[in-house]
Amino acid sequence: MSLDDLFAPPGTPWQRLSPSYLKLKLLLIPINWTLFFVVPGVPLFLFAPRWTLWILLGVAVVWIAWRMLRAPRVFRRWGYAERDEDVYVTSGLFSRSLQCVPYGRMQLVEVQSGPLEQRFGISSVQMITASTAGTVNIPGLASADAAALRDRLIARGEQQQAGI
């Protein structure tokens, strides 16, 4: 029994994200976190003792390595399941999350893809709902799968006269 089975009704067929999403994340983690550590590193390099720069460098290497090792496990925890009346979205490594979006609460379904996502052939599906939570996002789907999911969600919403 997987953790997903604990959150959703038995027999719910889970769909996973595209492997290209993991490749993109593994590319962006060192780039983003290196920039995060470079900003405080410049004043340390100019004005502080050298040992503080070595400590910052060590912390940066450990932090980036930990994020890189953690990324595949986080990736495997993302998933979504389409059911007759709603969509389940699950995520989270340490703190699991399950969001249930009834088709009747969806107001808008968007497919988004930035320049890097386009390069990797992936998109995100964003469901804007009539609730205080606002939006539910499914990142890292293959672009064709994201467009097909959007079309299915809109069709099911219209079938149930949900107002999409």
N, C-alpha and C. Protein backbone atom coordinates (compact mmCIF):
# COMPACT_ATOMS: atom_id res chain seq x y z
N MET A 1 0.84 -1.19 0.00
CA MET A 1 0.00 0.00 0.00
C MET A 1 0.89 1.24 0.00
N SER A 2 0.66 2.09 -0.98
CA SER A 2 1.45 3.32 -1.05
C SER A 2 0.77 4.42 -0.24
N LEU A 3 1.51 5.49 -0.04
CA LEU A 3 0.94 6.61 0.71
C LEU A 3 -0.24 7.23 -0.03
N ASP A 4 -0.21 7.18 -1.38
CA ASP A 4 -1.32 7.74 -2.15
C ASP A 4 -2.61 7.00 -1.84
N ASP A 5 -2.52 5.68 -1.58
CA ASP A 5 -3.71 4.90 -1.26
C ASP A 5 -4.31 5.32 0.08
N LEU A 6 -3.49 5.85 0.97
CA LEU A 6 -4.00 6.30 2.26
C LEU A 6 -4.85 7.56 2.12
N PHE A 7 -4.57 8.35 1.08
CA PHE A 7 -5.27 9.61 0.90
C PHE A 7 -6.50 9.50 0.02
N ALA A 8 -6.46 8.66 -0.98
CA ALA A 8 -7.55 8.59 -1.96
C ALA A 8 -8.28 7.26 -1.84
N PRO A 9 -9.49 7.20 -2.37
CA PRO A 9 -10.22 5.93 -2.35
C PRO A 9 -9.45 4.84 -3.07
N PRO A 10 -9.63 3.59 -2.66
CA PRO A 10 -8.91 2.48 -3.29
C PRO A 10 -9.19 2.41 -4.78
N GLY A 11 -8.17 2.04 -5.52
CA GLY A 11 -8.32 1.86 -6.96
C GLY A 11 -8.25 3.14 -7.76
N THR A 12 -7.88 4.25 -7.15
CA THR A 12 -7.77 5.52 -7.88
C THR A 12 -6.52 5.46 -8.75
N PRO A 13 -6.67 5.58 -10.09
CA PRO A 13 -5.50 5.51 -10.97
C PRO A 13 -4.73 6.84 -10.99
N TRP A 14 -3.55 6.84 -10.43
CA TRP A 14 -2.74 8.05 -10.33
C TRP A 14 -1.93 8.24 -11.60
N GLN A 15 -1.88 9.48 -12.06
CA GLN A 15 -1.03 9.89 -13.19
C GLN A 15 0.15 10.65 -12.61
N ARG A 16 1.32 10.45 -13.16
CA ARG A 16 2.53 11.10 -12.66
C ARG A 16 3.00 12.18 -13.62
N LEU A 17 3.95 12.96 -13.14
CA LEU A 17 4.51 14.05 -13.94
C LEU A 17 5.49 13.51 -14.98
N SER A 18 5.80 14.35 -15.93
CA SER A 18 6.74 13.99 -16.99
C SER A 18 8.17 13.92 -16.43
N PRO A 19 8.97 12.94 -16.85
CA PRO A 19 10.37 12.88 -16.42
C PRO A 19 11.16 14.14 -16.81
N SER A 20 10.72 14.85 -17.82
CA SER A 20 11.39 16.10 -18.20
C SER A 20 11.30 17.14 -17.10
N TYR A 21 10.26 17.08 -16.29
CA TYR A 21 10.11 18.02 -15.17
C TYR A 21 11.24 17.80 -14.17
N LEU A 22 11.57 16.55 -13.90
CA LEU A 22 12.66 16.26 -12.97
C LEU A 22 13.99 16.75 -13.56
N LYS A 23 14.20 16.55 -14.84
CA LYS A 23 15.43 17.03 -15.49
C LYS A 23 15.56 18.55 -15.34
N LEU A 24 14.44 19.26 -15.56
CA LEU A 24 14.45 20.71 -15.42
C LEU A 24 14.78 21.12 -13.99
N LYS A 25 14.15 20.46 -13.02
CA LYS A 25 14.41 20.79 -11.61
C LYS A 25 15.87 20.53 -11.25
N LEU A 26 16.41 19.41 -11.72
CA LEU A 26 17.81 19.10 -11.42
C LEU A 26 18.77 20.09 -12.08
N LEU A 27 18.36 20.71 -13.15
CA LEU A 27 19.16 21.76 -13.78
C LEU A 27 19.05 23.08 -13.01
N LEU A 28 17.84 23.40 -12.56
CA LEU A 28 17.61 24.69 -11.91
C LEU A 28 18.10 24.76 -10.47
N ILE A 29 18.11 23.65 -9.75
CA ILE A 29 18.51 23.68 -8.34
C ILE A 29 19.92 24.26 -8.16
N PRO A 30 20.94 23.74 -8.84
CA PRO A 30 22.26 24.33 -8.62
C PRO A 30 22.37 25.78 -9.10
N ILE A 31 21.68 26.10 -10.16
CA ILE A 31 21.74 27.48 -10.66
C ILE A 31 21.12 28.44 -9.65
N ASN A 32 19.89 28.16 -9.21
CA ASN A 32 19.21 29.06 -8.28
C ASN A 32 19.91 29.16 -6.94
N TRP A 33 20.32 28.03 -6.38
CA TRP A 33 20.93 28.06 -5.05
C TRP A 33 22.35 28.61 -5.10
N THR A 34 23.05 28.46 -6.21
CA THR A 34 24.36 29.07 -6.32
C THR A 34 24.22 30.59 -6.29
N LEU A 35 23.24 31.10 -7.02
CA LEU A 35 22.99 32.55 -6.98
C LEU A 35 22.61 32.99 -5.57
N PHE A 36 21.82 32.18 -4.87
CA PHE A 36 21.42 32.52 -3.50
C PHE A 36 22.63 32.63 -2.59
N PHE A 37 23.62 31.76 -2.76
CA PHE A 37 24.80 31.80 -1.90
C PHE A 37 25.85 32.78 -2.39
N VAL A 38 25.83 33.17 -3.67
CA VAL A 38 26.81 34.12 -4.19
C VAL A 38 26.55 35.52 -3.64
N VAL A 39 25.29 35.89 -3.49
CA VAL A 39 24.96 37.26 -3.03
C VAL A 39 25.61 37.56 -1.68
N PRO A 40 25.46 36.71 -0.65
CA PRO A 40 26.19 37.02 0.59
C PRO A 40 27.68 36.70 0.50
N GLY A 41 28.07 35.90 -0.49
CA GLY A 41 29.48 35.53 -0.62
C GLY A 41 30.37 36.66 -1.08
N VAL A 42 29.85 37.58 -1.87
CA VAL A 42 30.67 38.69 -2.38
C VAL A 42 31.13 39.60 -1.24
N PRO A 43 30.24 40.07 -0.35
CA PRO A 43 30.75 40.89 0.77
C PRO A 43 31.67 40.10 1.69
N LEU A 44 31.38 38.80 1.88
CA LEU A 44 32.28 38.00 2.70
C LEU A 44 33.66 37.92 2.07
N PHE A 45 33.70 37.78 0.78
CA PHE A 45 34.97 37.69 0.08
C PHE A 45 35.76 39.00 0.20
N LEU A 46 35.05 40.12 0.15
CA LEU A 46 35.72 41.42 0.18
C LEU A 46 36.12 41.87 1.58
N PHE A 47 35.25 41.60 2.58
CA PHE A 47 35.46 42.25 3.88
C PHE A 47 35.66 41.29 5.05
N ALA A 48 35.26 40.07 4.95
CA ALA A 48 35.32 39.16 6.10
C ALA A 48 36.56 38.28 6.03
N PRO A 49 36.88 37.63 7.13
CA PRO A 49 38.00 36.69 7.10
C PRO A 49 37.72 35.54 6.13
N ARG A 50 38.78 34.98 5.61
CA ARG A 50 38.66 33.92 4.61
C ARG A 50 37.90 32.70 5.14
N TRP A 51 38.03 32.41 6.43
CA TRP A 51 37.37 31.22 6.96
C TRP A 51 35.85 31.31 6.85
N THR A 52 35.28 32.53 6.89
CA THR A 52 33.82 32.66 6.74
C THR A 52 33.39 32.31 5.32
N LEU A 53 34.24 32.65 4.35
CA LEU A 53 33.94 32.29 2.96
C LEU A 53 33.97 30.77 2.78
N TRP A 54 34.94 30.11 3.43
CA TRP A 54 35.01 28.65 3.34
C TRP A 54 33.80 27.98 4.00
N ILE A 55 33.32 28.55 5.09
CA ILE A 55 32.13 28.02 5.76
C ILE A 55 30.92 28.18 4.84
N LEU A 56 30.77 29.35 4.25
CA LEU A 56 29.65 29.58 3.34
C LEU A 56 29.73 28.62 2.14
N LEU A 57 30.92 28.41 1.61
CA LEU A 57 31.09 27.49 0.50
C LEU A 57 30.70 26.06 0.90
N GLY A 58 31.11 25.64 2.08
CA GLY A 58 30.76 24.31 2.57
C GLY A 58 29.26 24.15 2.77
N VAL A 59 28.63 25.15 3.37
CA VAL A 59 27.17 25.12 3.56
C VAL A 59 26.47 25.07 2.21
N ALA A 60 26.94 25.85 1.25
CA ALA A 60 26.33 25.88 -0.08
C ALA A 60 26.42 24.52 -0.75
N VAL A 61 27.59 23.88 -0.69
CA VAL A 61 27.75 22.58 -1.34
C VAL A 61 26.84 21.54 -0.69
N VAL A 62 26.79 21.52 0.63
CA VAL A 62 25.94 20.56 1.33
C VAL A 62 24.47 20.82 1.02
N TRP A 63 24.06 22.08 1.06
CA TRP A 63 22.66 22.43 0.80
C TRP A 63 22.23 22.05 -0.63
N ILE A 64 23.06 22.39 -1.60
CA ILE A 64 22.73 22.08 -3.00
C ILE A 64 22.70 20.56 -3.21
N ALA A 65 23.65 19.85 -2.64
CA ALA A 65 23.66 18.39 -2.77
C ALA A 65 22.42 17.78 -2.14
N TRP A 66 22.02 18.28 -0.98
CA TRP A 66 20.82 17.76 -0.31
C TRP A 66 19.59 18.01 -1.17
N ARG A 67 19.47 19.21 -1.74
CA ARG A 67 18.32 19.51 -2.60
C ARG A 67 18.32 18.64 -3.86
N MET A 68 19.49 18.38 -4.41
CA MET A 68 19.59 17.55 -5.62
C MET A 68 19.21 16.09 -5.31
N LEU A 69 19.60 15.60 -4.15
CA LEU A 69 19.27 14.23 -3.78
C LEU A 69 17.79 14.09 -3.41
N ARG A 70 17.22 15.15 -2.90
CA ARG A 70 15.82 15.15 -2.47
C ARG A 70 14.86 15.31 -3.65
N ALA A 71 15.29 15.93 -4.72
CA ALA A 71 14.42 16.26 -5.86
C ALA A 71 13.71 15.04 -6.46
N PRO A 72 14.39 13.91 -6.69
CA PRO A 72 13.67 12.76 -7.27
C PRO A 72 12.57 12.23 -6.36
N ARG A 73 12.79 12.27 -5.05
CA ARG A 73 11.75 11.79 -4.13
C ARG A 73 10.56 12.73 -4.12
N VAL A 74 10.81 14.02 -4.17
CA VAL A 74 9.71 15.00 -4.24
C VAL A 74 8.95 14.81 -5.55
N PHE A 75 9.67 14.59 -6.64
CA PHE A 75 9.08 14.39 -7.96
C PHE A 75 8.13 13.18 -7.94
N ARG A 76 8.56 12.09 -7.32
CA ARG A 76 7.73 10.88 -7.29
C ARG A 76 6.46 11.05 -6.46
N ARG A 77 6.42 12.03 -5.58
CA ARG A 77 5.26 12.23 -4.73
C ARG A 77 4.16 13.07 -5.39
N TRP A 78 4.46 13.71 -6.51
CA TRP A 78 3.45 14.46 -7.24
C TRP A 78 2.59 13.50 -8.04
N GLY A 79 1.30 13.76 -8.09
CA GLY A 79 0.42 12.96 -8.92
C GLY A 79 -0.97 13.55 -8.96
N TYR A 80 -1.75 13.11 -9.92
CA TYR A 80 -3.13 13.54 -10.00
C TYR A 80 -3.99 12.38 -10.48
N ALA A 81 -5.25 12.42 -10.11
CA ALA A 81 -6.19 11.37 -10.50
C ALA A 81 -7.50 12.02 -10.90
N GLU A 82 -7.97 11.67 -12.08
CA GLU A 82 -9.27 12.16 -12.56
C GLU A 82 -10.33 11.15 -12.16
N ARG A 83 -11.38 11.63 -11.54
CA ARG A 83 -12.48 10.76 -11.17
C ARG A 83 -13.76 11.29 -11.83
N ASP A 84 -14.89 10.67 -11.56
CA ASP A 84 -16.14 11.05 -12.22
C ASP A 84 -16.58 12.46 -11.87
N GLU A 85 -16.39 12.87 -10.63
CA GLU A 85 -16.91 14.17 -10.19
C GLU A 85 -15.85 15.14 -9.72
N ASP A 86 -14.59 14.69 -9.64
CA ASP A 86 -13.54 15.57 -9.12
C ASP A 86 -12.17 15.12 -9.59
N VAL A 87 -11.18 15.95 -9.28
CA VAL A 87 -9.78 15.67 -9.58
C VAL A 87 -9.02 15.72 -8.27
N TYR A 88 -8.17 14.72 -8.04
CA TYR A 88 -7.30 14.71 -6.87
C TYR A 88 -5.90 15.11 -7.31
N VAL A 89 -5.24 15.94 -6.49
CA VAL A 89 -3.84 16.30 -6.73
C VAL A 89 -3.11 16.05 -5.42
N THR A 90 -2.04 15.27 -5.48
CA THR A 90 -1.28 14.96 -4.27
C THR A 90 0.17 15.39 -4.46
N SER A 91 0.79 15.82 -3.37
CA SER A 91 2.19 16.24 -3.41
C SER A 91 2.72 16.26 -1.99
N GLY A 92 4.01 16.51 -1.88
CA GLY A 92 4.63 16.67 -0.57
C GLY A 92 5.48 15.50 -0.17
N LEU A 93 6.66 15.78 0.32
CA LEU A 93 7.58 14.73 0.74
C LEU A 93 7.42 14.44 2.22
N PHE A 94 7.62 15.44 3.05
CA PHE A 94 7.52 15.23 4.49
C PHE A 94 6.10 15.48 4.98
N SER A 95 5.47 16.49 4.43
CA SER A 95 4.10 16.82 4.78
C SER A 95 3.23 16.57 3.56
N ARG A 96 2.49 15.48 3.57
CA ARG A 96 1.69 15.08 2.42
C ARG A 96 0.46 15.98 2.29
N SER A 97 0.08 16.23 1.06
CA SER A 97 -1.07 17.07 0.76
C SER A 97 -1.94 16.38 -0.28
N LEU A 98 -3.23 16.43 -0.09
CA LEU A 98 -4.19 15.93 -1.08
C LEU A 98 -5.23 17.01 -1.27
N GLN A 99 -5.36 17.47 -2.50
CA GLN A 99 -6.36 18.47 -2.84
C GLN A 99 -7.40 17.81 -3.73
N CYS A 100 -8.65 18.04 -3.42
CA CYS A 100 -9.75 17.50 -4.21
C CYS A 100 -10.48 18.68 -4.84
N VAL A 101 -10.57 18.70 -6.16
CA VAL A 101 -11.21 19.79 -6.88
C VAL A 101 -12.44 19.24 -7.60
N PRO A 102 -13.64 19.54 -7.11
CA PRO A 102 -14.84 19.11 -7.82
C PRO A 102 -14.98 19.90 -9.12
N TYR A 103 -15.44 19.21 -10.17
CA TYR A 103 -15.59 19.89 -11.45
C TYR A 103 -16.55 21.06 -11.32
N GLY A 104 -17.52 20.96 -10.44
CA GLY A 104 -18.50 22.02 -10.26
C GLY A 104 -17.93 23.28 -9.64
N ARG A 105 -16.74 23.20 -9.05
CA ARG A 105 -16.11 24.38 -8.43
C ARG A 105 -15.09 25.06 -9.34
N MET A 106 -14.75 24.42 -10.45
CA MET A 106 -13.75 25.01 -11.36
C MET A 106 -14.36 26.15 -12.14
N GLN A 107 -13.64 27.26 -12.17
CA GLN A 107 -14.07 28.41 -12.95
C GLN A 107 -13.23 28.60 -14.20
N LEU A 108 -11.97 28.18 -14.13
CA LEU A 108 -11.06 28.39 -15.24
C LEU A 108 -9.98 27.32 -15.20
N VAL A 109 -9.60 26.81 -16.35
CA VAL A 109 -8.50 25.85 -16.46
C VAL A 109 -7.50 26.44 -17.44
N GLU A 110 -6.27 26.63 -16.98
CA GLU A 110 -5.22 27.23 -17.81
C GLU A 110 -4.08 26.26 -18.02
N VAL A 111 -3.43 26.36 -19.16
CA VAL A 111 -2.18 25.65 -19.41
C VAL A 111 -1.11 26.73 -19.57
N GLN A 112 -0.04 26.61 -18.78
CA GLN A 112 1.03 27.59 -18.82
C GLN A 112 2.36 26.90 -19.09
N SER A 113 3.21 27.60 -19.83
CA SER A 113 4.54 27.06 -20.12
C SER A 113 5.49 28.23 -20.39
N GLY A 114 6.48 28.38 -19.52
CA GLY A 114 7.47 29.42 -19.71
C GLY A 114 8.54 28.98 -20.71
N PRO A 115 9.53 29.82 -20.94
CA PRO A 115 10.55 29.49 -21.94
C PRO A 115 11.34 28.22 -21.62
N LEU A 116 11.73 28.03 -20.37
CA LEU A 116 12.47 26.82 -20.02
C LEU A 116 11.58 25.58 -20.11
N GLU A 117 10.33 25.72 -19.67
CA GLU A 117 9.40 24.60 -19.75
C GLU A 117 9.16 24.22 -21.22
N GLN A 118 9.04 25.22 -22.08
CA GLN A 118 8.85 24.94 -23.50
C GLN A 118 10.04 24.19 -24.07
N ARG A 119 11.22 24.57 -23.65
CA ARG A 119 12.45 23.90 -24.11
C ARG A 119 12.45 22.42 -23.72
N PHE A 120 11.87 22.12 -22.53
CA PHE A 120 11.82 20.74 -22.05
C PHE A 120 10.52 20.04 -22.45
N GLY A 121 9.62 20.75 -23.15
CA GLY A 121 8.38 20.15 -23.63
C GLY A 121 7.36 19.88 -22.55
N ILE A 122 7.36 20.71 -21.50
CA ILE A 122 6.41 20.51 -20.40
C ILE A 122 5.58 21.76 -20.17
N SER A 123 4.45 21.56 -19.51
CA SER A 123 3.53 22.65 -19.17
C SER A 123 2.92 22.38 -17.81
N SER A 124 2.28 23.40 -17.26
CA SER A 124 1.55 23.28 -16.01
C SER A 124 0.07 23.51 -16.28
N VAL A 125 -0.77 22.76 -15.58
CA VAL A 125 -2.21 22.97 -15.66
C VAL A 125 -2.63 23.60 -14.35
N GLN A 126 -3.30 24.72 -14.46
CA GLN A 126 -3.75 25.46 -13.28
C GLN A 126 -5.27 25.50 -13.29
N MET A 127 -5.87 25.01 -12.20
CA MET A 127 -7.32 25.02 -12.06
C MET A 127 -7.69 26.11 -11.05
N ILE A 128 -8.40 27.11 -11.52
CA ILE A 128 -8.84 28.19 -10.66
C ILE A 128 -10.25 27.84 -10.21
N THR A 129 -10.44 27.84 -8.89
CA THR A 129 -11.70 27.37 -8.33
C THR A 129 -12.46 28.48 -7.64
N ALA A 130 -13.71 28.18 -7.34
CA ALA A 130 -14.56 29.11 -6.62
C ALA A 130 -14.44 28.82 -5.13
N SER A 131 -13.24 28.95 -4.61
CA SER A 131 -13.01 28.71 -3.18
C SER A 131 -11.98 29.70 -2.68
N THR A 132 -11.80 29.71 -1.37
CA THR A 132 -10.81 30.62 -0.80
C THR A 132 -9.39 30.18 -1.12
N ALA A 133 -9.20 28.88 -1.38
CA ALA A 133 -7.86 28.39 -1.73
C ALA A 133 -7.42 28.93 -3.08
N GLY A 134 -8.37 29.19 -3.97
CA GLY A 134 -8.05 29.83 -5.24
C GLY A 134 -7.64 28.92 -6.35
N THR A 135 -6.40 28.44 -6.34
CA THR A 135 -5.90 27.67 -7.48
C THR A 135 -5.28 26.35 -7.02
N VAL A 136 -5.33 25.41 -7.93
CA VAL A 136 -4.65 24.13 -7.76
C VAL A 136 -3.79 23.95 -9.00
N ASN A 137 -2.52 23.65 -8.79
CA ASN A 137 -1.57 23.59 -9.89
C ASN A 137 -1.01 22.18 -10.04
N ILE A 138 -0.95 21.70 -11.27
CA ILE A 138 -0.27 20.43 -11.59
C ILE A 138 0.89 20.80 -12.51
N PRO A 139 2.12 20.83 -11.97
CA PRO A 139 3.27 21.22 -12.80
C PRO A 139 3.84 20.03 -13.55
N GLY A 140 4.63 20.31 -14.56
CA GLY A 140 5.48 19.30 -15.17
C GLY A 140 4.80 18.22 -15.96
N LEU A 141 3.72 18.54 -16.65
CA LEU A 141 3.10 17.56 -17.55
C LEU A 141 3.65 17.77 -18.95
N ALA A 142 3.72 16.71 -19.72
CA ALA A 142 4.09 16.87 -21.12
C ALA A 142 3.08 17.81 -21.76
N SER A 143 3.51 18.67 -22.65
CA SER A 143 2.63 19.71 -23.20
C SER A 143 1.37 19.13 -23.83
N ALA A 144 1.49 18.04 -24.56
CA ALA A 144 0.31 17.41 -25.17
C ALA A 144 -0.62 16.86 -24.10
N ASP A 145 -0.05 16.27 -23.05
CA ASP A 145 -0.87 15.74 -21.95
C ASP A 145 -1.57 16.86 -21.21
N ALA A 146 -0.88 17.99 -21.03
CA ALA A 146 -1.49 19.13 -20.34
C ALA A 146 -2.67 19.68 -21.13
N ALA A 147 -2.51 19.81 -22.44
CA ALA A 147 -3.62 20.30 -23.27
C ALA A 147 -4.79 19.32 -23.26
N ALA A 148 -4.48 18.02 -23.30
CA ALA A 148 -5.54 17.01 -23.26
C ALA A 148 -6.25 17.02 -21.91
N LEU A 149 -5.50 17.19 -20.83
CA LEU A 149 -6.11 17.27 -19.49
C LEU A 149 -7.02 18.49 -19.40
N ARG A 150 -6.54 19.62 -19.90
CA ARG A 150 -7.37 20.83 -19.90
C ARG A 150 -8.67 20.58 -20.63
N ASP A 151 -8.61 19.99 -21.80
CA ASP A 151 -9.81 19.72 -22.58
C ASP A 151 -10.76 18.77 -21.86
N ARG A 152 -10.21 17.72 -21.22
CA ARG A 152 -11.06 16.79 -20.47
C ARG A 152 -11.73 17.47 -19.28
N LEU A 153 -10.97 18.31 -18.57
CA LEU A 153 -11.54 19.01 -17.42
C LEU A 153 -12.65 19.96 -17.85
N ILE A 154 -12.43 20.67 -18.94
CA ILE A 154 -13.47 21.58 -19.44
C ILE A 154 -14.69 20.80 -19.87
N ALA A 155 -14.50 19.69 -20.59
CA ALA A 155 -15.64 18.88 -21.04
C ALA A 155 -16.42 18.32 -19.86
N ARG A 156 -15.73 17.84 -18.85
CA ARG A 156 -16.44 17.31 -17.67
C ARG A 156 -17.16 18.41 -16.91
N GLY A 157 -16.55 19.59 -16.87
CA GLY A 157 -17.21 20.72 -16.22
C GLY A 157 -18.48 21.12 -16.95
N GLU A 158 -18.42 21.12 -18.28
CA GLU A 158 -19.61 21.45 -19.07
C GLU A 158 -20.66 20.37 -18.94
N GLN A 159 -20.23 19.12 -18.88
CA GLN A 159 -21.17 18.00 -18.70
C GLN A 159 -21.95 18.17 -17.40
N GLN A 160 -21.28 18.60 -16.38
CA GLN A 160 -21.93 18.76 -15.08
C GLN A 160 -22.49 20.17 -14.91
N GLN A 161 -22.49 20.93 -16.00
CA GLN A 161 -22.96 22.31 -16.00
C GLN A 161 -22.32 23.11 -14.88
N ALA A 162 -20.98 23.00 -14.85
CA ALA A 162 -20.22 23.64 -13.79
C ALA A 162 -19.93 25.10 -14.09
N GLY A 163 -20.16 25.54 -15.29
CA GLY A 163 -19.95 26.95 -15.60
C GLY A 163 -18.57 27.27 -16.10
N ILE A 164 -17.83 26.29 -16.60
CA ILE A 164 -16.51 26.58 -17.16
C ILE A 164 -16.70 27.16 -18.55
